[in-house]
Amino acid sequence: MKRSRLSYDEWKCILSKEQKIELFNNNIIEGYISLIDIEEVSEPQIWKFNGKDIIVCQGGCKWLSILPSKENYCITAMMNEKKEVLVWYIDMIATKGVDKDGIPYFDDLYLDLIVYPDGTVIEDDREELDASLNQGKITIELFELANGTCQKLKTGILANIDYLKEYTNECMRVLNDSNTGLNLQIK
């Protein structure tokens, strides 16, 4: 399994960014919310959807990550400079924690969901999940956890795109209203 941090260090194209991370326990979320303001990239990252280009990573983009404490997923809302969601990327995860430097992390279970503002939900990397089980990299329990979490999301929070939009906006509001948390300038 791949370990990912809410700082998304694996995105090597990001040259500089500001980030705010905070742990919450309120009626909106019990868990971490992180906001990355991408300042400079070596090359914009472009995804295709319905024949259109969507720039998910360039200067001015913002990524809001939501990592609930009691769930096995991490939602990242990739937004343009106007804070309009372009796409949600949802990782199914096994475990999570916090590194020594205060950055939350999660262990990715390969299977992801890509959700577009029109409500389209696409499974991504299913073949990686299947191969990981077949190669003995993960247990049947972790395989079932990824599939169960995926199904729970599809029939729950993703069943109504307006709810997902509202939840994302509420998480952004909660983070913006807070004056605590970890603030980083990364270059």
C-alpha atoms as a PDB file:
ATOM      1  CA  MET A   1       0.000   0.000   0.000  1.00  0.00           C
ATOM      2  CA  LYS A   2       1.063   3.531  -0.701  1.00  0.00           C
ATOM      3  CA  ARG A   3       1.183   6.032   2.150  1.00  0.00           C
ATOM      4  CA  SER A   4      -0.139   9.484   1.277  1.00  0.00           C
ATOM      5  CA  ARG A   5       0.123  12.606   3.402  1.00  0.00           C
ATOM      6  CA  LEU A   6      -2.407  15.420   3.373  1.00  0.00           C
ATOM      7  CA  SER A   7       0.453  17.598   2.100  1.00  0.00           C
ATOM      8  CA  TYR A   8       0.366  15.495  -1.116  1.00  0.00           C
ATOM      9  CA  ASP A   9       4.164  15.449  -1.391  1.00  0.00           C
ATOM     10  CA  GLU A  10       3.893  12.814  -4.141  1.00  0.00           C
ATOM     11  CA  TRP A  11       2.661  15.510  -6.556  1.00  0.00           C
ATOM     12  CA  LYS A  12       6.176  16.496  -7.642  1.00  0.00           C
ATOM     13  CA  CYS A  13       4.804  19.071 -10.106  1.00  0.00           C
ATOM     14  CA  ILE A  14       3.827  21.331  -7.167  1.00  0.00           C
ATOM     15  CA  LEU A  15       6.744  23.721  -6.603  1.00  0.00           C
ATOM     16  CA  SER A  16       5.199  25.928  -3.912  1.00  0.00           C
ATOM     17  CA  LYS A  17       2.030  25.904  -1.856  1.00  0.00           C
ATOM     18  CA  GLU A  18       0.485  27.116   1.368  1.00  0.00           C
ATOM     19  CA  GLN A  19      -1.407  24.695   3.559  1.00  0.00           C
ATOM     20  CA  LYS A  20      -3.642  24.800   6.585  1.00  0.00           C
ATOM     21  CA  ILE A  21      -4.462  21.589   8.479  1.00  0.00           C
ATOM     22  CA  GLU A  22      -6.718  21.247  11.471  1.00  0.00           C
ATOM     23  CA  LEU A  23      -8.343  18.524  13.548  1.00  0.00           C
ATOM     24  CA  PHE A  24     -12.053  19.080  14.226  1.00  0.00           C
ATOM     25  CA  ASN A  25     -14.635  17.427  16.442  1.00  0.00           C
ATOM     26  CA  ASN A  26     -17.947  19.144  15.744  1.00  0.00           C
ATOM     27  CA  ASN A  27     -21.324  18.487  14.125  1.00  0.00           C
ATOM     28  CA  ILE A  28     -19.760  18.781  10.630  1.00  0.00           C
ATOM     29  CA  ILE A  29     -16.742  16.486  10.981  1.00  0.00           C
ATOM     30  CA  GLU A  30     -14.734  14.488  13.436  1.00  0.00           C
ATOM     31  CA  GLY A  31     -11.354  14.375  11.742  1.00  0.00           C
ATOM     32  CA  TYR A  32      -8.901  16.447   9.740  1.00  0.00           C
ATOM     33  CA  ILE A  33      -9.580  19.120   7.169  1.00  0.00           C
ATOM     34  CA  SER A  34      -6.732  20.452   5.071  1.00  0.00           C
ATOM     35  CA  LEU A  35      -6.626  23.200   2.472  1.00  0.00           C
ATOM     36  CA  ILE A  36      -3.765  23.481   0.016  1.00  0.00           C
ATOM     37  CA  ASP A  37      -3.405  26.704  -1.969  1.00  0.00           C
ATOM     38  CA  ILE A  38      -1.246  25.785  -4.942  1.00  0.00           C
ATOM     39  CA  GLU A  39       0.990  28.709  -5.841  1.00  0.00           C
ATOM     40  CA  GLU A  40       3.369  27.382  -8.498  1.00  0.00           C
ATOM     41  CA  VAL A  41       3.668  24.185 -10.534  1.00  0.00           C
ATOM     42  CA  SER A  42       6.273  22.911 -12.974  1.00  0.00           C
ATOM     43  CA  GLU A  43       3.527  21.804 -15.337  1.00  0.00           C
ATOM     44  CA  PRO A  44      -0.279  21.950 -15.038  1.00  0.00           C
ATOM     45  CA  GLN A  45      -1.983  18.585 -14.539  1.00  0.00           C
ATOM     46  CA  ILE A  46      -4.926  18.056 -16.859  1.00  0.00           C
ATOM     47  CA  TRP A  47      -7.584  15.336 -16.626  1.00  0.00           C
ATOM     48  CA  LYS A  48     -10.096  14.581 -19.356  1.00  0.00           C
ATOM     49  CA  PHE A  49     -13.819  14.173 -18.721  1.00  0.00           C
ATOM     50  CA  ASN A  50     -16.536  13.962 -21.368  1.00  0.00           C
ATOM     51  CA  GLY A  51     -14.129  15.242 -23.987  1.00  0.00           C
ATOM     52  CA  LYS A  52     -13.188  18.312 -21.926  1.00  0.00           C
ATOM     53  CA  ASP A  53      -9.912  19.203 -20.220  1.00  0.00           C
ATOM     54  CA  ILE A  54     -10.060  19.823 -16.482  1.00  0.00           C
ATOM     55  CA  ILE A  55      -6.977  21.455 -14.978  1.00  0.00           C
ATOM     56  CA  VAL A  56      -6.763  19.959 -11.473  1.00  0.00           C
ATOM     57  CA  CYS A  57      -3.339  21.289 -10.543  1.00  0.00           C
ATOM     58  CA  GLN A  58      -1.944  24.692 -11.470  1.00  0.00           C
ATOM     59  CA  GLY A  59      -1.178  27.950  -9.708  1.00  0.00           C
ATOM     60  CA  GLY A  60      -4.376  29.244  -8.107  1.00  0.00           C
ATOM     61  CA  CYS A  61      -5.995  25.824  -7.638  1.00  0.00           C
ATOM     62  CA  LYS A  62      -7.065  24.755  -4.164  1.00  0.00           C
ATOM     63  CA  TRP A  63      -7.418  21.252  -2.736  1.00  0.00           C
ATOM     64  CA  LEU A  64      -9.681  20.712   0.249  1.00  0.00           C
ATOM     65  CA  SER A  65      -9.052  17.327   1.879  1.00  0.00           C
ATOM     66  CA  ILE A  66     -11.452  15.772   4.369  1.00  0.00           C
ATOM     67  CA  LEU A  67     -10.139  12.847   6.427  1.00  0.00           C
ATOM     68  CA  PRO A  68     -12.834  11.615   8.855  1.00  0.00           C
ATOM     69  CA  SER A  69     -11.498   9.852  11.962  1.00  0.00           C
ATOM     70  CA  LYS A  70     -14.010   7.002  11.940  1.00  0.00           C
ATOM     71  CA  GLU A  71     -14.225   6.302   8.201  1.00  0.00           C
ATOM     72  CA  ASN A  72     -11.995   4.554   5.689  1.00  0.00           C
ATOM     73  CA  TYR A  73     -11.819   7.233   3.008  1.00  0.00           C
ATOM     74  CA  CYS A  74     -10.284  10.602   2.280  1.00  0.00           C
ATOM     75  CA  ILE A  75     -12.137  13.109   0.091  1.00  0.00           C
ATOM     76  CA  THR A  76     -10.139  15.684  -1.842  1.00  0.00           C
ATOM     77  CA  ALA A  77     -12.116  18.427  -3.568  1.00  0.00           C
ATOM     78  CA  MET A  78      -9.983  19.883  -6.348  1.00  0.00           C
ATOM     79  CA  MET A  79     -11.068  23.466  -6.994  1.00  0.00           C
ATOM     80  CA  ASN A  80     -10.228  26.287  -9.342  1.00  0.00           C
ATOM     81  CA  GLU A  81      -9.101  29.739  -8.174  1.00  0.00           C
ATOM     82  CA  LYS A  82     -12.767  30.718  -7.592  1.00  0.00           C
ATOM     83  CA  LYS A  83     -13.154  27.776  -5.155  1.00  0.00           C
ATOM     84  CA  GLU A  84     -15.493  26.002  -7.600  1.00  0.00           C
ATOM     85  CA  VAL A  85     -15.135  22.224  -7.327  1.00  0.00           C
ATOM     86  CA  LEU A  86     -13.809  20.714 -10.547  1.00  0.00           C
ATOM     87  CA  VAL A  87     -13.705  17.142  -9.268  1.00  0.00           C
ATOM     88  CA  TRP A  88     -13.715  15.178  -6.017  1.00  0.00           C
ATOM     89  CA  TYR A  89     -11.126  12.424  -5.701  1.00  0.00           C
ATOM     90  CA  ILE A  90     -11.911   9.896  -2.985  1.00  0.00           C
ATOM     91  CA  ASP A  91      -9.323   7.390  -1.764  1.00  0.00           C
ATOM     92  CA  MET A  92     -10.397   4.202  -0.012  1.00  0.00           C
ATOM     93  CA  ILE A  93      -7.969   3.796   2.889  1.00  0.00           C
ATOM     94  CA  ALA A  94      -6.824   1.174   5.384  1.00  0.00           C
ATOM     95  CA  THR A  95      -5.298   3.167   8.233  1.00  0.00           C
ATOM     96  CA  LYS A  96      -4.440   6.738   9.084  1.00  0.00           C
ATOM     97  CA  GLY A  97      -2.302   8.649  11.535  1.00  0.00           C
ATOM     98  CA  VAL A  98      -0.138  11.715  12.013  1.00  0.00           C
ATOM     99  CA  ASP A  99       3.563  11.941  11.155  1.00  0.00           C
ATOM    100  CA  LYS A 100       6.139  13.451  13.538  1.00  0.00           C
ATOM    101  CA  ASP A 101       5.897  16.776  11.683  1.00  0.00           C
ATOM    102  CA  GLY A 102       2.141  17.004  12.374  1.00  0.00           C
ATOM    103  CA  ILE A 103       0.973  16.077   8.858  1.00  0.00           C
ATOM    104  CA  PRO A 104      -1.880  13.519   8.773  1.00  0.00           C
ATOM    105  CA  TYR A 105      -1.391  10.521   6.504  1.00  0.00           C
ATOM    106  CA  PHE A 106      -3.384   7.567   5.211  1.00  0.00           C
ATOM    107  CA  ASP A 107      -2.547   4.188   3.720  1.00  0.00           C
ATOM    108  CA  ASP A 108      -4.216   4.003   0.325  1.00  0.00           C
ATOM    109  CA  LEU A 109      -6.178   0.857  -0.581  1.00  0.00           C
ATOM    110  CA  TYR A 110      -5.786   1.433  -4.344  1.00  0.00           C
ATOM    111  CA  LEU A 111      -9.489   1.816  -5.156  1.00  0.00           C
ATOM    112  CA  ASP A 112     -10.633   5.401  -5.764  1.00  0.00           C
ATOM    113  CA  LEU A 113     -13.780   7.213  -6.787  1.00  0.00           C
ATOM    114  CA  ILE A 114     -13.738  10.242  -9.053  1.00  0.00           C
ATOM    115  CA  VAL A 115     -16.853  12.382  -8.726  1.00  0.00           C
ATOM    116  CA  TYR A 116     -17.747  15.210 -11.087  1.00  0.00           C
ATOM    117  CA  PRO A 117     -20.028  18.167 -10.279  1.00  0.00           C
ATOM    118  CA  ASP A 118     -22.738  16.758 -12.563  1.00  0.00           C
ATOM    119  CA  GLY A 119     -22.976  13.700 -10.265  1.00  0.00           C
ATOM    120  CA  THR A 120     -21.010  11.262 -12.445  1.00  0.00           C
ATOM    121  CA  VAL A 121     -19.098   8.746 -10.278  1.00  0.00           C
ATOM    122  CA  ILE A 122     -16.245   6.762 -11.811  1.00  0.00           C
ATOM    123  CA  GLU A 123     -14.317   3.950 -10.121  1.00  0.00           C
ATOM    124  CA  ASP A 124     -10.577   4.234 -10.644  1.00  0.00           C
ATOM    125  CA  ASP A 125      -7.771   1.725 -10.066  1.00  0.00           C
ATOM    126  CA  ARG A 126     -10.011  -1.296  -9.458  1.00  0.00           C
ATOM    127  CA  GLU A 127      -7.476  -3.390 -11.377  1.00  0.00           C
ATOM    128  CA  GLU A 128      -4.779  -2.304  -8.883  1.00  0.00           C
ATOM    129  CA  LEU A 129      -6.972  -3.419  -5.979  1.00  0.00           C
ATOM    130  CA  ASP A 130      -7.684  -6.780  -7.640  1.00  0.00           C
ATOM    131  CA  ALA A 131      -3.998  -7.313  -8.516  1.00  0.00           C
ATOM    132  CA  SER A 132      -2.921  -6.431  -4.976  1.00  0.00           C
ATOM    133  CA  LEU A 133      -5.203  -9.121  -3.574  1.00  0.00           C
ATOM    134  CA  ASN A 134      -4.104 -11.686  -6.169  1.00  0.00           C
ATOM    135  CA  GLN A 135      -0.416 -10.931  -5.492  1.00  0.00           C
ATOM    136  CA  GLY A 136      -0.869 -11.166  -1.724  1.00  0.00           C
ATOM    137  CA  LYS A 137      -0.030  -7.500  -1.114  1.00  0.00           C
ATOM    138  CA  ILE A 138      -3.280  -7.038   0.814  1.00  0.00           C
ATOM    139  CA  THR A 139      -5.536  -9.389   2.763  1.00  0.00           C
ATOM    140  CA  ILE A 140      -9.065 -10.366   1.826  1.00  0.00           C
ATOM    141  CA  GLU A 141     -10.198  -8.231   4.788  1.00  0.00           C
ATOM    142  CA  LEU A 142      -8.557  -5.104   3.304  1.00  0.00           C
ATOM    143  CA  PHE A 143      -9.965  -5.974  -0.129  1.00  0.00           C
ATOM    144  CA  GLU A 144     -13.459  -6.209   1.372  1.00  0.00           C
ATOM    145  CA  LEU A 145     -12.887  -2.996   3.355  1.00  0.00           C
ATOM    146  CA  ALA A 146     -12.075  -1.103   0.127  1.00  0.00           C
ATOM    147  CA  ASN A 147     -15.097  -2.526  -1.688  1.00  0.00           C
ATOM    148  CA  GLY A 148     -17.434  -2.004   1.266  1.00  0.00           C
ATOM    149  CA  THR A 149     -16.292   1.587   1.760  1.00  0.00           C
ATOM    150  CA  CYS A 150     -16.720   2.271  -1.954  1.00  0.00           C
ATOM    151  CA  GLN A 151     -20.260   0.902  -1.918  1.00  0.00           C
ATOM    152  CA  LYS A 152     -21.133   2.782   1.281  1.00  0.00           C
ATOM    153  CA  LEU A 153     -19.999   6.048  -0.331  1.00  0.00           C
ATOM    154  CA  LYS A 154     -21.971   5.404  -3.526  1.00  0.00           C
ATOM    155  CA  THR A 155     -25.203   4.727  -1.644  1.00  0.00           C
ATOM    156  CA  GLY A 156     -24.534   7.384   0.999  1.00  0.00           C
ATOM    157  CA  ILE A 157     -22.800  10.727   0.570  1.00  0.00           C
ATOM    158  CA  LEU A 158     -22.443  10.312  -3.221  1.00  0.00           C
ATOM    159  CA  ALA A 159     -26.083   9.395  -3.844  1.00  0.00           C
ATOM    160  CA  ASN A 160     -26.971  13.100  -3.832  1.00  0.00           C
ATOM    161  CA  ILE A 161     -24.432  15.409  -5.471  1.00  0.00           C
ATOM    162  CA  ASP A 162     -26.043  18.444  -3.818  1.00  0.00           C
ATOM    163  CA  TYR A 163     -25.331  16.921  -0.405  1.00  0.00           C
ATOM    164  CA  LEU A 164     -21.671  16.367  -1.349  1.00  0.00           C
ATOM    165  CA  LYS A 165     -21.415  19.985  -2.523  1.00  0.00           C
ATOM    166  CA  GLU A 166     -23.007  21.241   0.707  1.00  0.00           C
ATOM    167  CA  TYR A 167     -20.747  19.037   2.853  1.00  0.00           C
ATOM    168  CA  THR A 168     -17.672  20.300   0.999  1.00  0.00           C
ATOM    169  CA  ASN A 169     -18.766  23.925   1.457  1.00  0.00           C
ATOM    170  CA  GLU A 170     -19.424  23.360   5.174  1.00  0.00           C
ATOM    171  CA  CYS A 171     -15.974  21.815   5.657  1.00  0.00           C
ATOM    172  CA  MET A 172     -14.404  24.794   3.861  1.00  0.00           C
ATOM    173  CA  ARG A 173     -16.379  27.196   6.060  1.00  0.00           C
ATOM    174  CA  VAL A 174     -15.363  25.396   9.271  1.00  0.00           C
ATOM    175  CA  LEU A 175     -11.688  25.511   8.288  1.00  0.00           C
ATOM    176  CA  ASN A 176     -11.848  29.161   7.200  1.00  0.00           C
ATOM    177  CA  ASP A 177     -13.578  30.156  10.462  1.00  0.00           C
ATOM    178  CA  SER A 178     -10.822  28.572  12.546  1.00  0.00           C
ATOM    179  CA  ASN A 179      -7.770  30.512  13.652  1.00  0.00           C
ATOM    180  CA  THR A 180      -5.863  27.518  14.967  1.00  0.00           C
ATOM    181  CA  GLY A 181      -4.301  24.558  13.219  1.00  0.00           C
ATOM    182  CA  LEU A 182      -1.049  24.003  11.412  1.00  0.00           C
ATOM    183  CA  ASN A 183      -0.137  26.560   8.729  1.00  0.00           C
ATOM    184  CA  LEU A 184       2.696  25.692   6.343  1.00  0.00           C
ATOM    185  CA  GLN A 185       4.494  27.475   3.515  1.00  0.00           C
ATOM    186  CA  ILE A 186       6.122  24.844   1.333  1.00  0.00           C
ATOM    187  CA  LYS A 187       8.575  25.610  -1.458  1.00  0.00           C
END
